[in-house]
N, C-alpha and C. Protein backbone atom coordinates (compact mmCIF):
# COMPACT_ATOMS: atom_id res chain seq x y z
N MET A 1 0.89 -1.20 -0.06
CA MET A 1 0.09 0.11 0.13
C MET A 1 0.81 1.27 -0.14
N THR A 2 0.52 2.25 -0.66
CA THR A 2 0.97 3.54 -0.58
C THR A 2 0.59 4.43 0.16
N ILE A 3 1.17 5.31 0.62
CA ILE A 3 0.65 6.39 1.77
C ILE A 3 1.21 7.73 1.26
N SER A 4 0.05 8.57 1.29
CA SER A 4 0.40 10.08 1.14
C SER A 4 0.06 10.83 2.55
N VAL A 5 1.10 11.52 2.96
CA VAL A 5 0.94 12.44 4.19
C VAL A 5 0.66 13.70 3.72
N ILE A 6 -0.44 14.21 4.23
CA ILE A 6 -0.89 15.66 3.70
C ILE A 6 -0.64 16.79 5.10
N ILE A 7 0.03 17.80 4.85
CA ILE A 7 0.25 18.39 6.04
C ILE A 7 -0.08 19.96 5.60
N PRO A 8 -1.23 20.51 6.43
CA PRO A 8 -1.57 21.99 6.01
C PRO A 8 -0.87 22.91 6.95
N THR A 9 -0.49 23.85 6.38
CA THR A 9 0.38 24.81 7.07
C THR A 9 -0.22 26.19 7.01
N LEU A 10 0.23 27.00 8.29
CA LEU A 10 -0.05 28.51 8.12
C LEU A 10 0.86 28.95 9.28
N ASN A 11 2.09 29.67 8.83
CA ASN A 11 3.00 30.07 9.54
C ASN A 11 3.67 29.17 10.63
N GLU A 12 4.18 27.98 9.97
CA GLU A 12 4.67 26.83 10.85
C GLU A 12 6.23 26.64 10.63
N ALA A 13 7.09 27.70 10.30
CA ALA A 13 8.23 27.44 9.73
C ALA A 13 9.14 26.98 11.09
N ALA A 14 8.89 27.22 12.13
CA ALA A 14 9.49 26.78 13.34
C ALA A 14 9.21 25.37 13.46
N ARG A 15 8.52 24.68 13.02
CA ARG A 15 8.07 23.21 13.47
C ARG A 15 8.08 22.25 12.21
N LEU A 16 7.92 22.81 10.97
CA LEU A 16 7.72 22.19 9.79
C LEU A 16 8.78 20.99 9.33
N SER A 17 10.08 21.60 9.51
CA SER A 17 11.11 20.63 9.18
C SER A 17 11.16 19.38 9.96
N GLN A 18 11.02 19.63 11.21
CA GLN A 18 10.80 18.46 12.09
C GLN A 18 9.78 17.46 11.87
N THR A 19 8.70 18.00 11.34
CA THR A 19 7.56 17.10 11.24
C THR A 19 7.71 16.30 9.85
N ILE A 20 8.48 17.10 8.80
CA ILE A 20 8.76 16.33 7.52
C ILE A 20 9.71 15.34 7.95
N ALA A 21 10.67 15.78 8.48
CA ALA A 21 11.80 14.57 8.87
C ALA A 21 11.23 13.34 9.61
N SER A 22 10.24 13.61 10.47
CA SER A 22 9.72 12.62 11.15
C SER A 22 8.89 11.56 10.11
N CYS A 23 8.35 12.21 9.16
CA CYS A 23 7.67 11.28 8.27
C CYS A 23 8.56 10.65 7.44
N ARG A 24 9.84 11.23 6.92
CA ARG A 24 10.67 10.55 6.22
C ARG A 24 11.34 9.24 7.11
N ALA A 25 11.46 9.39 8.40
CA ALA A 25 11.98 8.36 9.47
C ALA A 25 11.07 7.26 9.55
N ALA A 26 9.59 7.62 9.35
CA ALA A 26 8.47 6.69 9.65
C ALA A 26 8.32 5.73 8.55
N GLY A 27 8.94 5.91 7.43
CA GLY A 27 8.75 5.06 6.34
C GLY A 27 8.53 5.55 5.00
N ARG A 28 8.34 4.98 3.91
CA ARG A 28 8.25 5.23 2.53
C ARG A 28 6.84 6.07 2.52
N CYS A 29 6.87 7.35 2.12
CA CYS A 29 5.65 7.97 1.81
C CYS A 29 5.77 9.08 0.88
N GLU A 30 4.63 9.55 0.32
CA GLU A 30 4.53 10.75 -0.48
C GLU A 30 4.07 11.91 0.60
N ILE A 31 4.88 13.02 0.85
CA ILE A 31 4.74 14.29 1.47
C ILE A 31 4.42 15.41 0.85
N ILE A 32 3.07 15.86 1.00
CA ILE A 32 2.40 17.03 0.51
C ILE A 32 2.00 18.10 1.36
N VAL A 33 2.72 19.23 1.41
CA VAL A 33 2.52 20.31 2.18
C VAL A 33 1.73 21.23 1.53
N VAL A 34 0.64 21.68 2.18
CA VAL A 34 -0.48 22.62 1.34
C VAL A 34 -0.46 23.89 2.29
N ASP A 35 -0.06 25.02 1.85
CA ASP A 35 0.02 26.23 2.48
C ASP A 35 -1.07 27.06 2.12
N GLY A 36 -1.60 27.77 3.44
CA GLY A 36 -2.76 28.70 3.30
C GLY A 36 -2.30 30.02 3.40
N GLY A 37 -1.17 30.46 2.94
CA GLY A 37 -0.85 31.93 2.89
C GLY A 37 0.30 32.28 3.96
N SER A 38 1.20 31.51 4.37
CA SER A 38 2.16 31.88 5.27
C SER A 38 2.85 33.13 5.00
N THR A 39 3.08 33.87 6.01
CA THR A 39 3.98 35.04 5.82
C THR A 39 5.47 34.83 6.65
N ASP A 40 5.60 33.78 7.17
CA ASP A 40 7.01 33.57 7.78
C ASP A 40 7.75 32.50 6.68
N ASN A 41 8.71 31.84 7.03
CA ASN A 41 9.48 30.89 6.20
C ASN A 41 8.94 29.55 6.02
N THR A 42 7.77 29.39 6.07
CA THR A 42 7.15 28.07 5.98
C THR A 42 7.29 27.40 4.68
N LEU A 43 7.34 28.06 3.56
CA LEU A 43 7.22 27.71 2.15
C LEU A 43 8.85 27.13 2.02
N GLU A 44 9.77 27.85 2.61
CA GLU A 44 11.30 27.54 2.48
C GLU A 44 11.50 26.22 3.35
N ALA A 45 10.83 26.16 4.29
CA ALA A 45 11.17 24.78 5.32
C ALA A 45 10.33 23.55 4.50
N ALA A 46 9.27 24.06 3.61
CA ALA A 46 8.59 23.02 2.94
C ALA A 46 9.15 22.42 1.83
N ASN A 47 10.19 22.92 1.53
CA ASN A 47 10.91 22.59 0.06
C ASN A 47 11.50 21.25 0.24
N ILE A 48 11.65 20.63 1.46
CA ILE A 48 12.07 19.04 1.40
C ILE A 48 10.94 18.20 1.46
N ALA A 49 9.75 18.81 1.33
CA ALA A 49 8.64 17.69 1.14
C ALA A 49 8.61 17.46 -0.56
N ASP A 50 7.84 16.43 -0.81
CA ASP A 50 7.74 15.95 -2.14
C ASP A 50 7.06 17.03 -3.15
N HIS A 51 6.09 17.61 -2.48
CA HIS A 51 5.06 18.64 -3.23
C HIS A 51 4.70 19.64 -2.43
N VAL A 52 4.65 20.83 -2.78
CA VAL A 52 4.34 22.00 -2.11
C VAL A 52 3.12 22.78 -2.79
N LEU A 53 1.91 22.92 -2.22
CA LEU A 53 0.79 23.38 -2.88
C LEU A 53 0.34 24.77 -2.24
N LEU A 54 -0.10 25.57 -3.08
CA LEU A 54 -0.75 26.91 -2.22
C LEU A 54 -2.19 26.74 -2.47
N SER A 55 -2.98 27.17 -1.33
CA SER A 55 -4.30 26.89 -1.33
C SER A 55 -5.08 28.05 -0.77
N GLU A 56 -6.36 28.08 -0.66
CA GLU A 56 -7.01 29.09 0.01
C GLU A 56 -6.86 28.75 1.51
N ARG A 57 -6.92 29.67 2.28
CA ARG A 57 -6.62 29.51 3.71
C ARG A 57 -7.98 28.85 4.29
N GLY A 58 -7.71 27.98 5.29
CA GLY A 58 -8.70 27.10 5.98
C GLY A 58 -8.25 25.65 5.76
N ARG A 59 -8.30 25.08 7.09
CA ARG A 59 -7.78 23.74 7.12
C ARG A 59 -8.41 22.80 6.17
N ALA A 60 -9.68 22.80 6.20
CA ALA A 60 -10.44 21.77 5.43
C ALA A 60 -10.30 22.01 3.94
N ARG A 61 -10.20 23.07 3.38
CA ARG A 61 -9.70 23.29 2.08
C ARG A 61 -8.48 22.83 1.76
N GLN A 62 -7.40 23.05 2.73
CA GLN A 62 -6.00 22.84 2.47
C GLN A 62 -6.08 21.11 2.54
N LEU A 63 -6.74 20.61 3.46
CA LEU A 63 -6.67 19.16 3.56
C LEU A 63 -7.22 18.49 2.16
N ASN A 64 -8.13 18.96 1.71
CA ASN A 64 -8.80 18.45 0.56
C ASN A 64 -8.09 18.62 -0.67
N ALA A 65 -7.28 19.81 -0.65
CA ALA A 65 -6.71 20.22 -1.96
C ALA A 65 -5.33 19.09 -1.87
N GLY A 66 -4.78 18.95 -0.69
CA GLY A 66 -3.73 18.07 -0.73
C GLY A 66 -4.14 16.49 -0.95
N ALA A 67 -5.36 16.19 -0.70
CA ALA A 67 -5.80 14.86 -0.93
C ALA A 67 -6.05 14.71 -2.69
N ALA A 68 -6.46 15.89 -3.18
CA ALA A 68 -6.67 15.77 -4.49
C ALA A 68 -5.48 15.56 -5.45
N ALA A 69 -4.39 16.22 -4.90
CA ALA A 69 -2.99 16.10 -5.49
C ALA A 69 -2.52 14.90 -5.21
N SER A 70 -2.77 13.96 -4.19
CA SER A 70 -1.92 12.88 -3.76
C SER A 70 -2.11 11.68 -4.68
N SER A 71 -1.43 10.64 -4.33
CA SER A 71 -1.44 9.61 -5.27
C SER A 71 -1.57 8.19 -4.36
N GLY A 72 -1.51 8.55 -3.07
CA GLY A 72 -1.57 7.29 -2.16
C GLY A 72 -2.81 6.54 -2.00
N GLU A 73 -2.64 5.07 -1.73
CA GLU A 73 -3.94 4.36 -1.45
C GLU A 73 -4.41 4.66 -0.09
N ILE A 74 -3.69 5.23 0.76
CA ILE A 74 -3.94 5.40 2.18
C ILE A 74 -3.55 7.16 2.34
N LEU A 75 -4.62 7.89 2.80
CA LEU A 75 -4.19 9.15 3.20
C LEU A 75 -3.98 9.42 4.68
N LEU A 76 -2.95 10.19 5.07
CA LEU A 76 -2.68 10.64 6.55
C LEU A 76 -2.58 12.04 6.65
N PHE A 77 -3.66 12.59 7.54
CA PHE A 77 -3.59 14.08 7.61
C PHE A 77 -2.86 14.42 8.89
N LEU A 78 -1.69 15.11 8.62
CA LEU A 78 -0.93 15.45 9.82
C LEU A 78 -0.71 16.93 10.19
N HIS A 79 -1.11 17.21 11.39
CA HIS A 79 -0.83 18.80 11.81
C HIS A 79 0.80 18.98 11.58
N ALA A 80 1.04 20.31 11.40
CA ALA A 80 2.53 20.62 11.30
C ALA A 80 3.34 20.68 12.65
N ASP A 81 2.50 20.59 13.72
CA ASP A 81 3.38 20.56 14.95
C ASP A 81 3.24 19.00 15.62
N CYS A 82 3.05 18.03 14.77
CA CYS A 82 2.97 16.78 15.25
C CYS A 82 4.17 15.96 14.45
N GLN A 83 4.61 14.82 15.23
CA GLN A 83 5.61 14.13 14.56
C GLN A 83 5.34 12.61 14.69
N LEU A 84 5.63 12.08 13.45
CA LEU A 84 5.34 10.49 13.56
C LEU A 84 6.55 9.76 14.13
N ALA A 85 6.09 8.71 14.77
CA ALA A 85 7.09 7.72 15.39
C ALA A 85 7.50 6.82 14.39
N PRO A 86 8.94 6.37 14.39
CA PRO A 86 9.44 5.40 13.54
C PRO A 86 8.45 4.15 13.56
N GLY A 87 8.19 3.66 12.30
CA GLY A 87 7.33 2.57 12.18
C GLY A 87 5.77 2.85 12.20
N SER A 88 5.59 3.90 12.19
CA SER A 88 4.14 4.50 12.23
C SER A 88 3.31 4.10 10.85
N LEU A 89 3.99 4.30 9.69
CA LEU A 89 3.29 4.00 8.53
C LEU A 89 3.16 2.57 8.26
N SER A 90 4.15 1.77 8.47
CA SER A 90 4.00 0.29 8.40
C SER A 90 2.93 -0.22 9.36
N ALA A 91 2.69 0.47 10.52
CA ALA A 91 1.73 0.06 11.29
C ALA A 91 0.28 0.18 10.67
N ILE A 92 0.11 1.47 9.89
CA ILE A 92 -1.01 1.61 9.34
C ILE A 92 -1.28 0.50 8.21
N GLU A 93 -0.47 0.25 7.35
CA GLU A 93 -0.24 -0.72 6.32
C GLU A 93 -0.66 -2.31 7.04
N ALA A 94 -0.30 -2.43 8.18
CA ALA A 94 -0.46 -3.71 8.64
C ALA A 94 -1.80 -3.79 9.39
N ALA A 95 -2.43 -2.53 9.75
CA ALA A 95 -3.80 -2.78 10.37
C ALA A 95 -4.77 -2.85 9.16
N PHE A 96 -4.45 -2.08 7.92
CA PHE A 96 -5.47 -2.38 6.94
C PHE A 96 -5.46 -3.57 6.32
N SER A 97 -3.99 -4.33 6.34
CA SER A 97 -4.04 -5.56 5.75
C SER A 97 -4.63 -6.63 6.69
N THR A 98 -4.70 -6.71 7.90
CA THR A 98 -5.27 -7.58 8.85
C THR A 98 -6.60 -7.20 9.34
N MET A 99 -7.16 -5.94 9.08
CA MET A 99 -8.48 -5.66 9.26
C MET A 99 -9.07 -5.13 8.19
N PRO A 100 -9.61 -6.04 7.26
CA PRO A 100 -10.21 -5.39 6.11
C PRO A 100 -11.37 -4.65 6.35
N ALA A 101 -12.07 -4.62 7.43
CA ALA A 101 -13.23 -3.89 7.86
C ALA A 101 -12.66 -2.39 8.30
N ALA A 102 -11.60 -2.28 8.45
CA ALA A 102 -11.14 -0.89 9.06
C ALA A 102 -11.08 0.08 7.69
N VAL A 103 -11.81 1.24 8.15
CA VAL A 103 -11.85 2.20 7.08
C VAL A 103 -10.79 3.33 7.48
N GLY A 104 -10.32 3.62 8.80
CA GLY A 104 -9.52 4.56 9.04
C GLY A 104 -9.23 4.50 10.56
N GLY A 105 -8.43 5.56 10.98
CA GLY A 105 -8.08 5.59 12.31
C GLY A 105 -7.09 6.75 12.92
N CYS A 106 -6.37 6.52 13.87
CA CYS A 106 -5.51 7.52 14.36
C CYS A 106 -4.40 6.84 15.25
N PHE A 107 -3.61 7.67 15.77
CA PHE A 107 -2.60 7.07 16.66
C PHE A 107 -2.84 7.58 18.20
N GLN A 108 -2.30 6.83 19.10
CA GLN A 108 -2.32 7.36 20.41
C GLN A 108 -1.35 8.62 20.53
N GLN A 109 -1.50 9.48 21.46
CA GLN A 109 -0.39 10.62 21.38
C GLN A 109 0.58 10.46 22.43
N ARG A 110 1.58 11.42 22.29
CA ARG A 110 2.59 11.57 23.29
C ARG A 110 2.90 13.02 23.14
N ILE A 111 2.10 13.79 24.20
CA ILE A 111 2.28 15.19 24.24
C ILE A 111 3.66 15.56 25.05
N ALA A 112 4.36 16.36 24.22
CA ALA A 112 5.73 16.56 24.51
C ALA A 112 6.04 17.41 25.82
N HIS A 113 5.65 16.88 27.00
CA HIS A 113 5.60 17.44 28.18
C HIS A 113 5.59 16.38 29.39
N PRO A 114 6.49 16.54 30.29
CA PRO A 114 6.55 15.20 31.34
C PRO A 114 5.65 15.41 32.40
N ALA A 115 4.89 16.54 32.53
CA ALA A 115 3.94 16.40 33.54
C ALA A 115 2.84 15.31 33.35
N LEU A 116 2.42 14.71 34.67
CA LEU A 116 1.29 13.62 34.61
C LEU A 116 -0.04 14.23 33.95
N ARG A 117 -0.29 15.35 34.35
CA ARG A 117 -1.66 15.83 33.62
C ARG A 117 -1.77 15.61 31.99
N TYR A 118 -0.60 15.61 31.54
CA TYR A 118 -0.63 15.46 29.93
C TYR A 118 -0.91 14.06 29.82
N ARG A 119 -0.46 13.14 30.49
CA ARG A 119 -0.76 11.64 30.28
C ARG A 119 -2.25 11.38 30.52
N TRP A 120 -2.90 12.11 31.27
CA TRP A 120 -4.47 12.07 31.35
C TRP A 120 -5.12 12.67 30.02
N ILE A 121 -4.62 13.70 29.42
CA ILE A 121 -5.12 14.45 28.12
C ILE A 121 -4.96 13.21 27.17
N GLU A 122 -3.82 12.61 27.12
CA GLU A 122 -3.66 11.48 26.17
C GLU A 122 -4.57 10.36 26.22
N TRP A 123 -4.72 9.77 27.61
CA TRP A 123 -5.50 8.89 27.76
C TRP A 123 -7.09 9.29 27.52
N GLY A 124 -7.44 10.42 27.89
CA GLY A 124 -8.90 10.86 27.40
C GLY A 124 -9.20 10.96 26.15
N ASN A 125 -8.01 11.42 25.32
CA ASN A 125 -8.39 11.49 23.85
C ASN A 125 -8.49 10.32 23.20
N THR A 126 -7.65 9.23 23.72
CA THR A 126 -7.86 7.99 23.10
C THR A 126 -9.27 7.23 23.66
N LEU A 127 -9.51 7.46 24.81
CA LEU A 127 -10.99 7.05 25.27
C LEU A 127 -12.04 7.51 24.34
N ARG A 128 -11.76 8.81 24.11
CA ARG A 128 -12.87 9.47 23.25
C ARG A 128 -13.22 8.67 21.92
N VAL A 129 -12.20 8.43 21.23
CA VAL A 129 -12.00 7.74 20.06
C VAL A 129 -12.82 6.32 20.27
N HIS A 130 -12.31 5.76 21.07
CA HIS A 130 -13.03 4.15 21.56
C HIS A 130 -14.49 4.44 21.49
N LEU A 131 -14.96 5.40 22.59
CA LEU A 131 -16.34 5.45 22.74
C LEU A 131 -17.12 5.88 21.82
N LEU A 132 -16.51 7.17 21.19
CA LEU A 132 -17.58 7.88 20.37
C LEU A 132 -17.22 8.00 18.88
N GLY A 133 -15.83 7.66 18.70
CA GLY A 133 -15.51 7.56 17.31
C GLY A 133 -15.07 9.13 16.81
N TRP A 134 -14.81 9.89 17.79
CA TRP A 134 -14.36 11.13 17.19
C TRP A 134 -13.04 11.33 17.17
N ILE A 135 -12.29 11.69 16.12
CA ILE A 135 -10.95 11.92 15.96
C ILE A 135 -10.60 13.41 15.69
N TYR A 136 -9.74 13.89 16.30
CA TYR A 136 -9.39 15.10 16.18
C TYR A 136 -8.00 15.24 15.24
N GLY A 137 -7.73 16.28 14.75
CA GLY A 137 -6.75 16.48 13.80
C GLY A 137 -5.25 16.18 14.54
N ASP A 138 -5.23 16.43 15.62
CA ASP A 138 -3.73 16.25 16.20
C ASP A 138 -3.69 14.73 16.63
N GLN A 139 -4.44 13.99 16.26
CA GLN A 139 -4.29 12.63 16.37
C GLN A 139 -3.78 11.74 15.32
N GLY A 140 -3.48 12.52 14.20
CA GLY A 140 -3.03 11.73 12.75
C GLY A 140 -4.04 11.04 12.38
N LEU A 141 -4.81 11.63 11.69
CA LEU A 141 -5.97 10.86 11.12
C LEU A 141 -5.50 10.33 9.61
N PHE A 142 -6.02 8.88 9.75
CA PHE A 142 -5.69 8.25 8.38
C PHE A 142 -6.75 7.40 7.80
N VAL A 143 -6.96 7.20 6.40
CA VAL A 143 -8.05 6.72 6.11
C VAL A 143 -7.69 6.22 4.69
N ARG A 144 -8.41 5.21 4.35
CA ARG A 144 -8.49 4.36 2.70
C ARG A 144 -8.96 5.63 1.93
N ARG A 145 -8.19 5.64 0.82
CA ARG A 145 -8.45 6.81 -0.10
C ARG A 145 -9.95 6.52 -0.58
N GLU A 146 -10.42 5.32 -0.89
CA GLU A 146 -11.74 5.01 -1.60
C GLU A 146 -12.77 5.55 -0.53
N ILE A 147 -12.44 5.27 0.87
CA ILE A 147 -13.35 5.79 1.79
C ILE A 147 -13.32 7.42 1.87
N PHE A 148 -12.26 7.95 1.75
CA PHE A 148 -12.35 9.28 1.73
C PHE A 148 -13.13 9.86 0.62
N ASP A 149 -12.85 9.24 -0.49
CA ASP A 149 -13.81 9.83 -1.71
C ASP A 149 -15.26 9.56 -1.51
N ALA A 150 -15.55 8.57 -0.94
CA ALA A 150 -16.77 8.12 -0.65
C ALA A 150 -17.48 9.11 0.25
N THR A 151 -16.89 9.63 1.06
CA THR A 151 -17.18 10.75 2.29
C THR A 151 -17.47 12.01 1.76
N GLY A 152 -16.77 12.13 0.60
CA GLY A 152 -16.72 13.59 -0.07
C GLY A 152 -15.83 14.39 0.51
N GLY A 153 -14.79 14.05 1.45
CA GLY A 153 -13.78 14.70 2.09
C GLY A 153 -14.22 15.53 3.17
N PHE A 154 -13.28 16.46 3.45
CA PHE A 154 -13.65 17.19 4.80
C PHE A 154 -14.79 18.24 4.51
N PRO A 155 -15.63 18.46 5.24
CA PRO A 155 -16.79 19.45 5.24
C PRO A 155 -16.27 20.90 5.20
N ASP A 156 -16.56 21.68 4.40
CA ASP A 156 -16.03 23.11 4.14
C ASP A 156 -16.27 24.02 5.30
N LEU A 157 -15.59 23.63 6.41
CA LEU A 157 -16.14 24.36 7.62
C LEU A 157 -14.85 25.15 8.20
N PRO A 158 -15.03 26.40 8.72
CA PRO A 158 -13.77 27.09 9.22
C PRO A 158 -13.26 26.51 10.54
N ILE A 159 -13.99 25.79 11.09
CA ILE A 159 -13.53 25.08 12.37
C ILE A 159 -14.37 23.82 12.48
N MET A 160 -13.87 22.64 13.36
CA MET A 160 -14.65 21.44 13.42
C MET A 160 -14.68 20.53 12.48
N GLU A 161 -13.84 20.91 11.31
CA GLU A 161 -13.70 19.96 9.96
C GLU A 161 -13.35 18.68 10.40
N ASP A 162 -12.46 18.52 11.62
CA ASP A 162 -12.06 17.11 11.77
C ASP A 162 -12.96 16.29 12.47
N LEU A 163 -13.64 16.97 13.43
CA LEU A 163 -14.84 16.25 13.82
C LEU A 163 -15.76 16.00 13.06
N ALA A 164 -16.19 16.84 12.28
CA ALA A 164 -17.31 16.43 11.19
C ALA A 164 -16.90 15.30 10.23
N PHE A 165 -15.45 15.44 9.98
CA PHE A 165 -15.12 14.23 8.83
C PHE A 165 -15.29 13.05 9.67
N SER A 166 -14.76 12.74 11.00
CA SER A 166 -14.84 11.81 11.73
C SER A 166 -16.42 11.15 12.00
N LYS A 167 -17.17 11.85 12.07
CA LYS A 167 -18.43 11.58 12.14
C LYS A 167 -19.06 10.94 10.71
N LEU A 168 -18.46 11.54 9.59
CA LEU A 168 -18.98 10.79 8.20
C LEU A 168 -18.13 9.41 8.27
N LEU A 169 -16.90 9.51 8.72
CA LEU A 169 -16.12 8.22 8.59
C LEU A 169 -16.74 6.96 9.42
N LYS A 170 -17.46 7.40 10.65
CA LYS A 170 -18.01 6.45 11.41
C LYS A 170 -19.01 5.66 10.69
N ARG A 171 -19.77 6.31 9.62
CA ARG A 171 -20.92 5.58 9.09
C ARG A 171 -20.17 4.43 8.16
N HIS A 172 -19.04 4.27 7.85
CA HIS A 172 -18.40 3.51 6.83
C HIS A 172 -17.71 2.38 7.34
N GLY A 173 -17.46 2.32 8.59
CA GLY A 173 -16.78 1.23 9.26
C GLY A 173 -16.00 1.29 10.31
N ARG A 174 -15.26 0.35 10.85
CA ARG A 174 -14.38 0.48 11.74
C ARG A 174 -13.18 1.35 11.88
N ARG A 175 -13.03 2.14 12.88
CA ARG A 175 -11.71 2.85 13.07
C ARG A 175 -10.92 2.20 13.87
N VAL A 176 -9.59 2.41 14.01
CA VAL A 176 -8.57 1.92 14.74
C VAL A 176 -7.69 2.72 15.19
N VAL A 177 -7.18 2.55 16.59
CA VAL A 177 -6.43 3.53 17.23
C VAL A 177 -5.01 2.65 17.34
N LEU A 178 -3.89 3.06 16.78
CA LEU A 178 -2.70 2.47 16.79
C LEU A 178 -1.78 2.98 17.91
N SER A 179 -1.10 2.11 18.59
CA SER A 179 -0.39 2.21 19.79
C SER A 179 0.81 3.12 19.40
N ASN A 180 1.36 3.23 18.14
CA ASN A 180 2.55 3.99 17.69
C ASN A 180 1.95 5.38 18.34
N ARG A 181 3.15 6.11 19.14
CA ARG A 181 2.75 7.36 19.76
C ARG A 181 2.99 8.63 18.78
N LEU A 182 2.14 9.46 18.73
CA LEU A 182 2.22 10.44 17.86
C LEU A 182 2.68 11.80 18.48
N GLY A 183 3.95 12.30 18.20
CA GLY A 183 4.30 13.35 19.08
C GLY A 183 3.58 14.72 18.80
N VAL A 184 3.18 15.31 19.91
CA VAL A 184 2.23 16.51 19.90
C VAL A 184 2.72 17.62 20.67
N ASP A 185 2.74 18.64 20.06
CA ASP A 185 3.47 20.15 20.64
C ASP A 185 2.41 20.50 21.80
N PRO A 186 3.07 20.71 22.87
CA PRO A 186 2.17 21.25 24.10
C PRO A 186 1.81 22.73 24.11
N ARG A 187 2.10 23.51 23.13
CA ARG A 187 2.00 24.74 23.08
C ARG A 187 0.49 25.35 23.46
N ARG A 188 -0.53 24.55 22.83
CA ARG A 188 -1.87 25.21 23.23
C ARG A 188 -2.13 25.09 24.72
N TRP A 189 -1.84 23.89 25.23
CA TRP A 189 -1.95 23.74 26.94
C TRP A 189 -1.24 24.60 27.55
N GLU A 190 0.13 24.97 27.08
CA GLU A 190 1.12 25.75 27.83
C GLU A 190 0.43 27.17 27.73
N HIS A 191 0.04 27.45 26.60
CA HIS A 191 -0.53 28.93 26.48
C HIS A 191 -1.60 29.21 27.42
N MET A 192 -2.65 28.34 27.34
CA MET A 192 -4.08 28.49 28.01
C MET A 192 -4.02 27.83 29.14
N GLY A 193 -3.18 26.90 29.77
CA GLY A 193 -3.29 26.12 30.85
C GLY A 193 -4.24 25.00 30.47
N VAL A 194 -3.87 23.66 31.10
CA VAL A 194 -4.41 22.45 30.77
C VAL A 194 -5.89 22.53 31.05
N VAL A 195 -6.39 22.94 32.12
CA VAL A 195 -7.80 23.04 32.43
C VAL A 195 -8.57 23.92 31.49
N ARG A 196 -8.15 25.13 31.42
CA ARG A 196 -8.80 26.18 30.54
C ARG A 196 -8.80 25.68 29.22
N GLN A 197 -7.80 25.20 28.56
CA GLN A 197 -7.91 24.53 27.33
C GLN A 197 -8.80 23.35 27.07
N THR A 198 -8.67 22.44 27.89
CA THR A 198 -9.60 21.33 28.04
C THR A 198 -11.14 21.73 28.10
N LEU A 199 -11.38 22.63 29.01
CA LEU A 199 -12.74 23.07 29.10
C LEU A 199 -13.24 23.99 27.78
N ARG A 200 -12.30 24.52 27.23
CA ARG A 200 -12.78 25.31 26.04
C ARG A 200 -12.98 24.35 25.06
N ASN A 201 -12.30 23.34 24.73
CA ASN A 201 -12.28 22.27 23.72
C ASN A 201 -13.86 21.59 23.73
N TRP A 202 -14.12 21.30 24.99
CA TRP A 202 -15.23 20.59 25.42
C TRP A 202 -16.54 21.42 25.15
N GLY A 203 -16.30 22.88 25.52
CA GLY A 203 -17.44 23.75 25.33
C GLY A 203 -17.62 23.80 23.78
N PHE A 204 -16.64 24.27 22.99
CA PHE A 204 -16.97 24.35 21.46
C PHE A 204 -17.59 22.97 20.95
N VAL A 205 -17.06 21.84 21.28
CA VAL A 205 -17.81 20.60 20.91
C VAL A 205 -19.21 20.52 21.24
N LEU A 206 -19.54 20.75 22.36
CA LEU A 206 -21.00 20.82 22.90
C LEU A 206 -21.79 21.96 22.12
N LEU A 207 -21.21 23.16 21.95
CA LEU A 207 -21.88 24.28 21.31
C LEU A 207 -22.05 23.69 19.77
N TRP A 208 -21.23 23.25 19.10
CA TRP A 208 -21.26 22.63 17.65
C TRP A 208 -22.48 21.55 17.63
N HIS A 209 -22.44 20.69 18.61
CA HIS A 209 -23.44 19.70 18.51
C HIS A 209 -24.83 19.99 18.93
N CYS A 210 -24.85 21.30 19.56
CA CYS A 210 -26.20 21.81 19.80
C CYS A 210 -26.70 22.87 18.83
N GLY A 211 -25.86 22.68 17.71
CA GLY A 211 -26.38 23.72 16.77
C GLY A 211 -25.95 25.10 16.07
N VAL A 212 -24.83 25.24 17.12
CA VAL A 212 -24.23 26.64 16.79
C VAL A 212 -23.26 26.47 15.72
N SER A 213 -23.39 27.64 14.73
CA SER A 213 -22.64 27.12 13.40
C SER A 213 -21.18 27.36 13.63
N SER A 214 -20.56 26.71 12.75
CA SER A 214 -18.98 26.72 12.59
C SER A 214 -18.56 28.22 12.50
N GLU A 215 -19.06 28.85 11.75
CA GLU A 215 -18.64 30.12 11.57
C GLU A 215 -18.76 31.08 12.87
N ARG A 216 -19.86 30.95 13.46
CA ARG A 216 -19.79 31.72 14.72
C ARG A 216 -18.81 31.28 15.74
N LEU A 217 -18.70 29.73 15.77
CA LEU A 217 -17.66 29.18 16.79
C LEU A 217 -16.16 29.82 16.25
N ALA A 218 -15.95 29.86 15.01
CA ALA A 218 -14.76 30.17 14.54
C ALA A 218 -14.28 31.57 14.94
N ARG A 219 -15.49 32.58 15.07
CA ARG A 219 -15.24 33.73 15.45
C ARG A 219 -15.03 33.86 16.97
N TRP A 220 -15.74 33.11 17.78
CA TRP A 220 -15.43 33.10 19.13
C TRP A 220 -14.08 32.43 19.42
N TYR A 221 -13.61 31.39 18.53
CA TYR A 221 -12.35 30.79 18.89
C TYR A 221 -11.31 31.84 18.61
N ALA A 222 -11.39 32.76 17.47
CA ALA A 222 -10.36 33.64 17.30
C ALA A 222 -10.29 34.66 18.49
N HIS A 223 -11.39 34.98 19.07
CA HIS A 223 -11.31 35.93 20.02
C HIS A 223 -10.70 35.58 21.41
N ILE A 224 -10.78 34.27 21.67
CA ILE A 224 -10.26 33.68 22.98
C ILE A 224 -8.83 33.05 22.94
N ARG A 225 -8.49 32.98 21.69
CA ARG A 225 -7.06 32.44 21.59
C ARG A 225 -5.97 33.12 22.42
């Protein structure tokens, strides 16, 4: 099986090179960076990828543009501040080969901070996928190409595109959570505090499920960042 790794970027020059290097170390893959209009040196850092695309800003649009340009049988959508562990790509291939009913999945996380409270976040995020099937973008979402095409791709939303897509994915079959640890940058939790960041995430998800539009949530999100 061939794998395409799609990385959306917006001013990620400080982290992108490390992320791409982790993809190279994880196994053979096609690496596509899709930039949404960075004003730093992101495009220079992206030159070590196989393909660099320019897209309208918006993570859903960038992810869909990368998928459209990719050639892999498996698509892996990776945030620019997350790093794959060695063996991660072969683990995806093995999962799909041994579990034909599996349509997609994600990785367990390893947030780059030693404090115990981050282990609880990792545990809670994995539990959420097992219980609800909700995969967030910082968990390294992967999917069979034919299933991605069948879902229509990521809904064109300014926020919550990962949750909206995972709900579509849930209708098509089994999702798996691989034990290979995805390295995750702790900057969001360090910036806002673990409790505040976690409560904010839960609050936005609850409001979205209650019918608040993604456009309104995006405005609120920008205001409290």
